[in-house]
Amino acid sequence: MKGKKTGGRQKGTPNRDNPIRGYLLSHSIKYFQPNPLNPDAISDFELDLKMMLPEDRVQAEIRILRHHTSELKSVDLAATIAPDQDETLTQRLARLAGEE
């Protein structure tokens, strides 16, 4: 029967707890928050970035940005413009400007 749930979890059943997910989340939050033990109380993340070589830092930033921004895709466009055989470009531009 279409539209009738026949198996699986009941609607609204929450996901079960995952202690590893909770640990990773708390570790990540701590990693990006200011740390008073670091110089200028910067986060551990910022301290790690400062210790990297510039080219490695750029690569790390690019990898992080990929998670937060959409990657643009190239688009192929095939178009054919058939110019009027008896009209030069100057004449056509003049005609188009006069249509405004």
N, C-alpha and C. Protein backbone atom coordinates (compact mmCIF):
# COMPACT_ATOMS: atom_id res chain seq x y z
N MET A 1 0.83 -1.18 0.00
CA MET A 1 0.00 0.00 0.00
C MET A 1 0.87 1.24 0.00
N LYS A 2 0.57 2.14 -0.87
CA LYS A 2 1.34 3.37 -0.95
C LYS A 2 0.87 4.33 0.14
N GLY A 3 1.87 4.97 0.82
CA GLY A 3 1.54 5.96 1.82
C GLY A 3 1.34 5.41 3.22
N LYS A 4 1.40 4.10 3.40
CA LYS A 4 1.22 3.52 4.72
C LYS A 4 2.56 2.96 5.19
N LYS A 5 2.98 3.36 6.37
CA LYS A 5 4.24 2.89 6.92
C LYS A 5 4.06 1.46 7.39
N THR A 6 4.97 0.59 6.93
CA THR A 6 4.81 -0.83 7.25
C THR A 6 5.94 -1.38 8.11
N GLY A 7 6.98 -0.59 8.39
CA GLY A 7 8.09 -1.12 9.19
C GLY A 7 8.99 0.01 9.65
N GLY A 8 10.03 -0.34 10.37
CA GLY A 8 10.99 0.65 10.84
C GLY A 8 10.56 1.29 12.13
N ARG A 9 11.17 2.43 12.44
CA ARG A 9 10.86 3.11 13.70
C ARG A 9 9.54 3.86 13.61
N GLN A 10 8.95 4.06 14.75
CA GLN A 10 7.74 4.86 14.83
C GLN A 10 8.08 6.32 14.53
N LYS A 11 7.16 7.05 13.95
CA LYS A 11 7.36 8.46 13.67
C LYS A 11 7.63 9.21 14.97
N GLY A 12 8.68 10.07 14.93
CA GLY A 12 9.02 10.87 16.10
C GLY A 12 9.99 10.20 17.05
N THR A 13 10.39 8.96 16.80
CA THR A 13 11.34 8.29 17.67
C THR A 13 12.71 8.95 17.53
N PRO A 14 13.30 9.44 18.63
CA PRO A 14 14.60 10.10 18.53
C PRO A 14 15.73 9.10 18.25
N ASN A 15 16.81 9.61 17.68
CA ASN A 15 17.99 8.77 17.47
C ASN A 15 18.58 8.39 18.82
N ARG A 16 19.20 7.24 18.90
CA ARG A 16 19.79 6.85 20.17
C ARG A 16 21.07 7.65 20.41
N ASP A 17 21.43 7.76 21.67
CA ASP A 17 22.61 8.53 22.04
C ASP A 17 23.86 7.86 21.49
N ASN A 18 24.82 8.71 21.08
CA ASN A 18 26.09 8.22 20.58
C ASN A 18 27.18 8.94 21.37
N PRO A 19 27.81 8.25 22.33
CA PRO A 19 28.80 8.93 23.18
C PRO A 19 30.01 9.45 22.40
N ILE A 20 30.39 8.79 21.34
CA ILE A 20 31.53 9.26 20.54
C ILE A 20 31.20 10.59 19.88
N ARG A 21 29.97 10.70 19.36
CA ARG A 21 29.55 11.95 18.74
C ARG A 21 29.58 13.08 19.76
N GLY A 22 29.11 12.82 20.95
CA GLY A 22 29.12 13.83 22.02
C GLY A 22 30.53 14.25 22.38
N TYR A 23 31.45 13.30 22.46
CA TYR A 23 32.85 13.61 22.77
C TYR A 23 33.47 14.47 21.67
N LEU A 24 33.26 14.10 20.42
CA LEU A 24 33.82 14.86 19.30
C LEU A 24 33.26 16.27 19.25
N LEU A 25 31.98 16.41 19.52
CA LEU A 25 31.36 17.74 19.52
C LEU A 25 31.96 18.62 20.61
N SER A 26 32.09 18.09 21.82
CA SER A 26 32.65 18.89 22.91
C SER A 26 34.13 19.21 22.66
N HIS A 27 34.87 18.27 22.09
CA HIS A 27 36.28 18.50 21.77
C HIS A 27 36.41 19.60 20.71
N SER A 28 35.55 19.56 19.70
CA SER A 28 35.60 20.57 18.64
C SER A 28 35.28 21.94 19.19
N ILE A 29 34.27 22.03 20.03
CA ILE A 29 33.90 23.32 20.62
C ILE A 29 35.07 23.87 21.43
N LYS A 30 35.70 23.02 22.23
CA LYS A 30 36.84 23.45 23.05
C LYS A 30 38.01 23.88 22.17
N TYR A 31 38.23 23.20 21.06
CA TYR A 31 39.36 23.47 20.16
C TYR A 31 39.25 24.86 19.53
N PHE A 32 38.03 25.33 19.27
CA PHE A 32 37.83 26.61 18.61
C PHE A 32 37.59 27.77 19.58
N GLN A 33 37.45 27.50 20.86
CA GLN A 33 37.22 28.56 21.84
C GLN A 33 38.56 29.13 22.34
N PRO A 34 38.57 30.41 22.76
CA PRO A 34 39.81 30.98 23.31
C PRO A 34 40.33 30.15 24.48
N ASN A 35 41.64 29.98 24.51
CA ASN A 35 42.29 29.20 25.56
C ASN A 35 43.21 30.14 26.35
N PRO A 36 42.93 30.39 27.63
CA PRO A 36 43.75 31.32 28.41
C PRO A 36 45.20 30.87 28.57
N LEU A 37 45.50 29.61 28.31
CA LEU A 37 46.87 29.11 28.43
C LEU A 37 47.72 29.45 27.20
N ASN A 38 47.09 29.85 26.10
CA ASN A 38 47.81 30.19 24.88
C ASN A 38 48.20 31.67 24.88
N PRO A 39 49.23 32.04 24.10
CA PRO A 39 49.57 33.46 24.00
C PRO A 39 48.37 34.27 23.47
N ASP A 40 48.13 35.40 24.05
CA ASP A 40 47.01 36.27 23.68
C ASP A 40 45.66 35.57 23.82
N ALA A 41 45.61 34.47 24.57
CA ALA A 41 44.37 33.70 24.81
C ALA A 41 43.68 33.30 23.52
N ILE A 42 44.45 33.00 22.47
CA ILE A 42 43.85 32.55 21.21
C ILE A 42 43.44 31.08 21.33
N SER A 43 42.60 30.63 20.42
CA SER A 43 42.15 29.24 20.45
C SER A 43 43.29 28.31 20.03
N ASP A 44 43.14 27.04 20.37
CA ASP A 44 44.13 26.04 19.95
C ASP A 44 44.19 25.96 18.42
N PHE A 45 43.04 26.14 17.79
CA PHE A 45 42.98 26.14 16.33
C PHE A 45 43.85 27.25 15.75
N GLU A 46 43.70 28.46 16.26
CA GLU A 46 44.49 29.59 15.77
C GLU A 46 45.97 29.39 16.05
N LEU A 47 46.30 28.80 17.19
CA LEU A 47 47.70 28.52 17.52
C LEU A 47 48.28 27.51 16.53
N ASP A 48 47.52 26.47 16.23
CA ASP A 48 47.98 25.48 15.25
C ASP A 48 48.20 26.12 13.88
N LEU A 49 47.28 27.01 13.47
CA LEU A 49 47.44 27.69 12.19
C LEU A 49 48.70 28.54 12.15
N LYS A 50 49.00 29.23 13.25
CA LYS A 50 50.19 30.09 13.29
C LYS A 50 51.48 29.28 13.18
N MET A 51 51.47 28.06 13.64
CA MET A 51 52.68 27.23 13.61
C MET A 51 52.89 26.56 12.24
N MET A 52 51.88 26.60 11.37
CA MET A 52 52.00 25.97 10.06
C MET A 52 52.75 26.86 9.08
N LEU A 53 53.34 26.23 8.08
CA LEU A 53 53.94 26.98 6.98
C LEU A 53 52.82 27.68 6.21
N PRO A 54 53.10 28.83 5.60
CA PRO A 54 52.03 29.56 4.90
C PRO A 54 51.29 28.74 3.86
N GLU A 55 52.02 27.94 3.07
CA GLU A 55 51.32 27.14 2.03
C GLU A 55 50.44 26.06 2.65
N ASP A 56 50.86 25.49 3.78
CA ASP A 56 50.03 24.50 4.47
C ASP A 56 48.81 25.16 5.09
N ARG A 57 48.99 26.39 5.60
CA ARG A 57 47.88 27.13 6.18
C ARG A 57 46.81 27.42 5.13
N VAL A 58 47.26 27.81 3.95
CA VAL A 58 46.31 28.09 2.85
C VAL A 58 45.54 26.83 2.50
N GLN A 59 46.21 25.71 2.39
CA GLN A 59 45.53 24.45 2.06
C GLN A 59 44.52 24.07 3.14
N ALA A 60 44.88 24.27 4.39
CA ALA A 60 43.95 23.97 5.49
C ALA A 60 42.72 24.86 5.42
N GLU A 61 42.92 26.15 5.16
CA GLU A 61 41.80 27.09 5.05
C GLU A 61 40.89 26.71 3.89
N ILE A 62 41.48 26.31 2.77
CA ILE A 62 40.67 25.90 1.61
C ILE A 62 39.83 24.68 1.95
N ARG A 63 40.41 23.72 2.64
CA ARG A 63 39.66 22.51 3.02
C ARG A 63 38.51 22.84 3.97
N ILE A 64 38.75 23.78 4.87
CA ILE A 64 37.69 24.19 5.80
C ILE A 64 36.58 24.91 5.04
N LEU A 65 36.95 25.78 4.12
CA LEU A 65 35.94 26.53 3.36
C LEU A 65 35.07 25.62 2.51
N ARG A 66 35.61 24.51 2.04
CA ARG A 66 34.81 23.57 1.23
C ARG A 66 33.62 23.02 2.01
N HIS A 67 33.74 22.98 3.32
CA HIS A 67 32.63 22.48 4.14
C HIS A 67 31.56 23.53 4.39
N HIS A 68 31.90 24.80 4.15
CA HIS A 68 30.98 25.88 4.48
C HIS A 68 30.43 26.63 3.29
N THR A 69 30.96 26.38 2.11
CA THR A 69 30.50 27.09 0.92
C THR A 69 30.19 26.10 -0.18
N SER A 70 29.28 26.47 -1.04
CA SER A 70 28.94 25.64 -2.18
C SER A 70 30.02 25.79 -3.23
N GLU A 71 30.37 24.68 -3.84
CA GLU A 71 31.38 24.73 -4.90
C GLU A 71 30.67 25.03 -6.21
N LEU A 72 31.19 26.02 -6.92
CA LEU A 72 30.58 26.40 -8.18
C LEU A 72 30.94 25.38 -9.26
N LYS A 73 29.97 25.05 -10.06
CA LYS A 73 30.17 24.10 -11.15
C LYS A 73 30.25 24.87 -12.45
N SER A 74 31.03 24.34 -13.37
CA SER A 74 31.09 24.99 -14.69
C SER A 74 29.83 24.66 -15.47
N VAL A 75 29.43 25.58 -16.30
CA VAL A 75 28.22 25.39 -17.11
C VAL A 75 28.61 25.55 -18.56
N ASP A 76 28.23 24.58 -19.37
CA ASP A 76 28.47 24.66 -20.80
C ASP A 76 27.25 25.29 -21.46
N LEU A 77 27.51 26.22 -22.35
CA LEU A 77 26.43 26.89 -23.05
C LEU A 77 26.74 26.88 -24.53
N ALA A 78 25.84 26.35 -25.28
CA ALA A 78 25.99 26.34 -26.73
C ALA A 78 24.93 27.26 -27.31
N ALA A 79 25.36 28.34 -27.94
CA ALA A 79 24.42 29.30 -28.51
C ALA A 79 24.92 29.71 -29.89
N THR A 80 23.98 29.91 -30.76
CA THR A 80 24.30 30.36 -32.10
C THR A 80 23.55 31.65 -32.36
N ILE A 81 24.27 32.66 -32.77
CA ILE A 81 23.65 33.93 -33.11
C ILE A 81 23.80 34.10 -34.60
N ALA A 82 22.67 34.21 -35.25
CA ALA A 82 22.67 34.38 -36.70
C ALA A 82 22.50 35.86 -37.01
N PRO A 83 23.58 36.56 -37.33
CA PRO A 83 23.46 37.98 -37.62
C PRO A 83 22.76 38.21 -38.95
N ASP A 84 22.11 39.36 -39.04
CA ASP A 84 21.47 39.75 -40.29
C ASP A 84 22.59 39.98 -41.31
N GLN A 85 22.49 39.32 -42.44
CA GLN A 85 23.56 39.37 -43.44
C GLN A 85 23.78 40.77 -44.00
N ASP A 86 22.73 41.59 -44.06
CA ASP A 86 22.85 42.90 -44.69
C ASP A 86 23.16 44.01 -43.69
N GLU A 87 23.38 43.66 -42.39
CA GLU A 87 23.54 44.69 -41.37
C GLU A 87 24.93 44.55 -40.73
N THR A 88 25.66 45.64 -40.65
CA THR A 88 26.96 45.61 -39.99
C THR A 88 26.75 45.71 -38.49
N LEU A 89 27.81 45.46 -37.75
CA LEU A 89 27.73 45.54 -36.30
C LEU A 89 27.38 46.96 -35.86
N THR A 90 27.98 47.94 -36.47
CA THR A 90 27.69 49.34 -36.14
C THR A 90 26.23 49.68 -36.39
N GLN A 91 25.70 49.20 -37.49
CA GLN A 91 24.30 49.46 -37.82
C GLN A 91 23.38 48.77 -36.81
N ARG A 92 23.73 47.55 -36.46
CA ARG A 92 22.89 46.81 -35.51
C ARG A 92 22.89 47.50 -34.14
N LEU A 93 24.08 47.92 -33.67
CA LEU A 93 24.16 48.62 -32.39
C LEU A 93 23.36 49.91 -32.40
N ALA A 94 23.44 50.63 -33.51
CA ALA A 94 22.67 51.88 -33.65
C ALA A 94 21.17 51.58 -33.61
N ARG A 95 20.75 50.52 -34.29
CA ARG A 95 19.33 50.13 -34.31
C ARG A 95 18.87 49.74 -32.90
N LEU A 96 19.69 48.92 -32.19
CA LEU A 96 19.33 48.49 -30.85
C LEU A 96 19.29 49.66 -29.88
N ALA A 97 20.20 50.60 -30.01
CA ALA A 97 20.21 51.78 -29.14
C ALA A 97 18.98 52.65 -29.38
N GLY A 98 18.50 52.68 -30.61
CA GLY A 98 17.31 53.46 -30.93
C GLY A 98 16.03 52.85 -30.41
N GLU A 99 16.04 51.54 -30.08
CA GLU A 99 14.82 50.86 -29.59
C GLU A 99 14.50 51.21 -28.14
N GLU A 100 15.45 51.78 -27.41
CA GLU A 100 15.21 52.11 -26.00
C GLU A 100 14.24 53.23 -25.99
